[in-house]
Amino acid sequence: MAVNMGDAEAYIAQYCIVIEDFTDADDANKMRLLNVAGLTLSRKYPKYTIPDAAVYEFANVLATAFNDTNKLARQGVNQFALTGTASFGFKDGVVSGPDVDPAQFIPQAALDLIGAENGVKLSKRAAKWTVL
């Protein structure tokens, strides 16, 4: 894994749909997003080779998940308004706390890229116990 900012920007611009949060970030924040994405994927899937494209996909999702508006929700803000402009409210399930595990935001696209690189099938879906 040898991610770099230039390759990340080019990949995200070409292959991702919602890119504004990543492209609007400053260089230091973009590097942080890439570092967290790479570290999280390496910790979550230590036995697999992580392709750079998977890191870029995940970093782009993290940029949206931790944008300014979503950060407010995680910090406990239920709603806020900009006088005469807009009003924002968050569902209770979004309001959590700052200790969110970034691994919960790993997109299926990144898992597909890791799976293709390693010849396995990875999925966010898992069997769970249920009561009928």
C-alpha atoms as a PDB file:
ATOM      1  CA  MET A   1       0.000   0.000   0.000  1.00  0.00           C
ATOM      2  CA  ALA A   2       1.643   3.201  -1.170  1.00  0.00           C
ATOM      3  CA  VAL A   3      -1.151   5.757  -1.168  1.00  0.00           C
ATOM      4  CA  ASN A   4      -0.458   9.340  -2.137  1.00  0.00           C
ATOM      5  CA  MET A   5      -2.610  12.415  -2.341  1.00  0.00           C
ATOM      6  CA  GLY A   6      -2.299  12.994  -6.096  1.00  0.00           C
ATOM      7  CA  ASP A   7      -3.396   9.457  -6.934  1.00  0.00           C
ATOM      8  CA  ALA A   8      -6.196   9.685  -4.357  1.00  0.00           C
ATOM      9  CA  GLU A   9      -7.556  12.925  -5.831  1.00  0.00           C
ATOM     10  CA  ALA A  10      -7.426  11.513  -9.371  1.00  0.00           C
ATOM     11  CA  TYR A  11      -9.098   8.226  -8.353  1.00  0.00           C
ATOM     12  CA  ILE A  12     -11.849   9.908  -6.335  1.00  0.00           C
ATOM     13  CA  ALA A  13     -12.555  12.436  -9.107  1.00  0.00           C
ATOM     14  CA  GLN A  14     -12.914   9.648 -11.649  1.00  0.00           C
ATOM     15  CA  TYR A  15     -14.549   6.760  -9.778  1.00  0.00           C
ATOM     16  CA  CYS A  16     -16.554   8.170  -6.843  1.00  0.00           C
ATOM     17  CA  ILE A  17     -19.964   9.800  -7.066  1.00  0.00           C
ATOM     18  CA  VAL A  18     -20.199  12.184  -4.102  1.00  0.00           C
ATOM     19  CA  ILE A  19     -16.772  13.810  -3.830  1.00  0.00           C
ATOM     20  CA  GLU A  20     -17.319  17.348  -2.569  1.00  0.00           C
ATOM     21  CA  ASP A  21     -16.388  16.690   1.069  1.00  0.00           C
ATOM     22  CA  PHE A  22     -13.063  15.147   0.044  1.00  0.00           C
ATOM     23  CA  THR A  23     -12.203  17.674  -2.668  1.00  0.00           C
ATOM     24  CA  ASP A  24     -13.145  20.634  -0.441  1.00  0.00           C
ATOM     25  CA  ALA A  25     -10.865  19.451   2.383  1.00  0.00           C
ATOM     26  CA  ASP A  26      -7.437  21.008   2.823  1.00  0.00           C
ATOM     27  CA  ASP A  27      -4.335  18.917   2.135  1.00  0.00           C
ATOM     28  CA  ALA A  28      -3.684  18.136   5.814  1.00  0.00           C
ATOM     29  CA  ASN A  29      -7.237  16.851   6.289  1.00  0.00           C
ATOM     30  CA  LYS A  30      -7.051  14.788   3.088  1.00  0.00           C
ATOM     31  CA  MET A  31      -3.839  13.175   4.327  1.00  0.00           C
ATOM     32  CA  ARG A  32      -5.480  12.427   7.689  1.00  0.00           C
ATOM     33  CA  LEU A  33      -8.431  10.814   5.908  1.00  0.00           C
ATOM     34  CA  LEU A  34      -6.091   8.668   3.807  1.00  0.00           C
ATOM     35  CA  ASN A  35      -4.047   7.694   6.877  1.00  0.00           C
ATOM     36  CA  VAL A  36      -7.112   6.732   8.928  1.00  0.00           C
ATOM     37  CA  ALA A  37      -8.616   4.826   6.000  1.00  0.00           C
ATOM     38  CA  GLY A  38      -5.420   2.867   5.386  1.00  0.00           C
ATOM     39  CA  LEU A  39      -4.833   2.151   9.075  1.00  0.00           C
ATOM     40  CA  THR A  40      -8.436   1.082   9.684  1.00  0.00           C
ATOM     41  CA  LEU A  41      -8.461  -1.272   6.692  1.00  0.00           C
ATOM     42  CA  SER A  42      -5.074  -2.749   7.690  1.00  0.00           C
ATOM     43  CA  ARG A  43      -6.291  -3.387  11.241  1.00  0.00           C
ATOM     44  CA  LYS A  44      -9.649  -4.783  10.152  1.00  0.00           C
ATOM     45  CA  TYR A  45      -8.195  -7.043   7.435  1.00  0.00           C
ATOM     46  CA  PRO A  46      -4.599  -7.792   8.539  1.00  0.00           C
ATOM     47  CA  LYS A  47      -4.293 -10.988   6.473  1.00  0.00           C
ATOM     48  CA  TYR A  48      -5.160  -9.303   3.185  1.00  0.00           C
ATOM     49  CA  THR A  49      -3.329  -7.040   0.778  1.00  0.00           C
ATOM     50  CA  ILE A  50      -5.108  -3.678   0.787  1.00  0.00           C
ATOM     51  CA  PRO A  51      -5.096  -2.027  -2.661  1.00  0.00           C
ATOM     52  CA  ASP A  52      -4.706   1.733  -2.833  1.00  0.00           C
ATOM     53  CA  ALA A  53      -8.085   2.078  -4.558  1.00  0.00           C
ATOM     54  CA  ALA A  54      -9.812   0.575  -1.492  1.00  0.00           C
ATOM     55  CA  VAL A  55      -8.125   3.174   0.718  1.00  0.00           C
ATOM     56  CA  TYR A  56      -9.252   5.944  -1.644  1.00  0.00           C
ATOM     57  CA  GLU A  57     -12.853   4.685  -1.665  1.00  0.00           C
ATOM     58  CA  PHE A  58     -12.888   4.521   2.131  1.00  0.00           C
ATOM     59  CA  ALA A  59     -11.204   7.918   2.590  1.00  0.00           C
ATOM     60  CA  ASN A  60     -13.882   9.521   0.418  1.00  0.00           C
ATOM     61  CA  VAL A  61     -16.634   7.960   2.550  1.00  0.00           C
ATOM     62  CA  LEU A  62     -14.871   9.109   5.739  1.00  0.00           C
ATOM     63  CA  ALA A  63     -14.744  12.657   4.366  1.00  0.00           C
ATOM     64  CA  THR A  64     -18.540  12.655   4.174  1.00  0.00           C
ATOM     65  CA  ALA A  65     -19.062  10.789   7.441  1.00  0.00           C
ATOM     66  CA  PHE A  66     -16.903  13.285   9.337  1.00  0.00           C
ATOM     67  CA  ASN A  67     -17.816  16.503   7.535  1.00  0.00           C
ATOM     68  CA  ASP A  68     -18.699  19.543   9.658  1.00  0.00           C
ATOM     69  CA  THR A  69     -22.435  18.860   9.706  1.00  0.00           C
ATOM     70  CA  ASN A  70     -22.133  15.185  10.633  1.00  0.00           C
ATOM     71  CA  LYS A  71     -19.528  16.016  13.291  1.00  0.00           C
ATOM     72  CA  LEU A  72     -22.099  18.208  15.025  1.00  0.00           C
ATOM     73  CA  ALA A  73     -24.565  15.317  15.121  1.00  0.00           C
ATOM     74  CA  ARG A  74     -21.950  12.995  16.610  1.00  0.00           C
ATOM     75  CA  GLN A  75     -21.118  15.576  19.244  1.00  0.00           C
ATOM     76  CA  GLY A  76     -24.704  15.566  20.466  1.00  0.00           C
ATOM     77  CA  VAL A  77     -26.265  18.505  18.617  1.00  0.00           C
ATOM     78  CA  ASN A  78     -29.893  17.594  17.865  1.00  0.00           C
ATOM     79  CA  GLN A  79     -30.622  20.548  15.633  1.00  0.00           C
ATOM     80  CA  PHE A  80     -29.321  23.968  14.657  1.00  0.00           C
ATOM     81  CA  ALA A  81     -30.421  26.825  12.444  1.00  0.00           C
ATOM     82  CA  LEU A  82     -28.755  29.519  10.402  1.00  0.00           C
ATOM     83  CA  THR A  83     -30.930  32.590  10.727  1.00  0.00           C
ATOM     84  CA  GLY A  84     -32.881  33.153   7.538  1.00  0.00           C
ATOM     85  CA  THR A  85     -30.985  30.433   5.680  1.00  0.00           C
ATOM     86  CA  ALA A  86     -31.593  26.884   6.854  1.00  0.00           C
ATOM     87  CA  SER A  87     -32.512  24.654   9.741  1.00  0.00           C
ATOM     88  CA  PHE A  88     -30.967  21.233  10.342  1.00  0.00           C
ATOM     89  CA  GLY A  89     -32.201  18.409  12.545  1.00  0.00           C
ATOM     90  CA  PHE A  90     -30.691  14.999  13.208  1.00  0.00           C
ATOM     91  CA  LYS A  91     -32.340  11.675  13.947  1.00  0.00           C
ATOM     92  CA  ASP A  92     -31.601  10.329  17.408  1.00  0.00           C
ATOM     93  CA  GLY A  93     -29.729   7.376  15.895  1.00  0.00           C
ATOM     94  CA  VAL A  94     -27.179   9.730  14.322  1.00  0.00           C
ATOM     95  CA  VAL A  95     -26.449  11.555  17.564  1.00  0.00           C
ATOM     96  CA  SER A  96     -23.831   9.443  19.267  1.00  0.00           C
ATOM     97  CA  GLY A  97     -20.503  10.648  20.522  1.00  0.00           C
ATOM     98  CA  PRO A  98     -16.967  11.291  19.360  1.00  0.00           C
ATOM     99  CA  ASP A  99     -15.848   7.678  19.936  1.00  0.00           C
ATOM    100  CA  VAL A 100     -17.247   6.318  16.653  1.00  0.00           C
ATOM    101  CA  ASP A 101     -15.392   3.368  15.127  1.00  0.00           C
ATOM    102  CA  PRO A 102     -14.443   4.361  11.570  1.00  0.00           C
ATOM    103  CA  ALA A 103     -14.626   0.694  10.493  1.00  0.00           C
ATOM    104  CA  GLN A 104     -18.426   0.938  10.492  1.00  0.00           C
ATOM    105  CA  PHE A 105     -18.148   3.243   7.460  1.00  0.00           C
ATOM    106  CA  ILE A 106     -16.122   0.871   5.249  1.00  0.00           C
ATOM    107  CA  PRO A 107     -18.029   0.846   1.941  1.00  0.00           C
ATOM    108  CA  GLN A 108     -18.816  -2.327   0.031  1.00  0.00           C
ATOM    109  CA  ALA A 109     -16.815  -0.931  -2.902  1.00  0.00           C
ATOM    110  CA  ALA A 110     -13.649  -1.028  -0.779  1.00  0.00           C
ATOM    111  CA  LEU A 111     -14.452  -4.568   0.377  1.00  0.00           C
ATOM    112  CA  ASP A 112     -14.964  -5.623  -3.240  1.00  0.00           C
ATOM    113  CA  LEU A 113     -11.559  -4.185  -4.195  1.00  0.00           C
ATOM    114  CA  ILE A 114      -9.845  -5.966  -1.277  1.00  0.00           C
ATOM    115  CA  GLY A 115     -11.641  -9.194  -2.147  1.00  0.00           C
ATOM    116  CA  ALA A 116     -10.643  -8.986  -5.805  1.00  0.00           C
ATOM    117  CA  GLU A 117      -7.022  -8.346  -4.858  1.00  0.00           C
ATOM    118  CA  ASN A 118      -6.940 -11.356  -2.534  1.00  0.00           C
ATOM    119  CA  GLY A 119      -9.267 -13.780  -4.316  1.00  0.00           C
ATOM    120  CA  VAL A 120     -11.892 -13.784  -1.548  1.00  0.00           C
ATOM    121  CA  LYS A 121     -15.421 -12.441  -1.097  1.00  0.00           C
ATOM    122  CA  LEU A 122     -15.847  -9.872   1.659  1.00  0.00           C
ATOM    123  CA  SER A 123     -19.193  -8.497   2.730  1.00  0.00           C
ATOM    124  CA  LYS A 124     -20.585  -6.222   5.418  1.00  0.00           C
ATOM    125  CA  ARG A 125     -23.488  -8.630   5.811  1.00  0.00           C
ATOM    126  CA  ALA A 126     -23.224 -11.198   8.562  1.00  0.00           C
ATOM    127  CA  ALA A 127     -25.431 -13.858  10.096  1.00  0.00           C
ATOM    128  CA  LYS A 128     -26.939 -12.733  13.394  1.00  0.00           C
ATOM    129  CA  TRP A 129     -29.123 -14.324  16.022  1.00  0.00           C
ATOM    130  CA  THR A 130     -32.738 -13.342  16.024  1.00  0.00           C
ATOM    131  CA  VAL A 131     -35.757 -14.188  18.141  1.00  0.00           C
ATOM    132  CA  LEU A 132     -39.004 -15.188  16.498  1.00  0.00           C
END
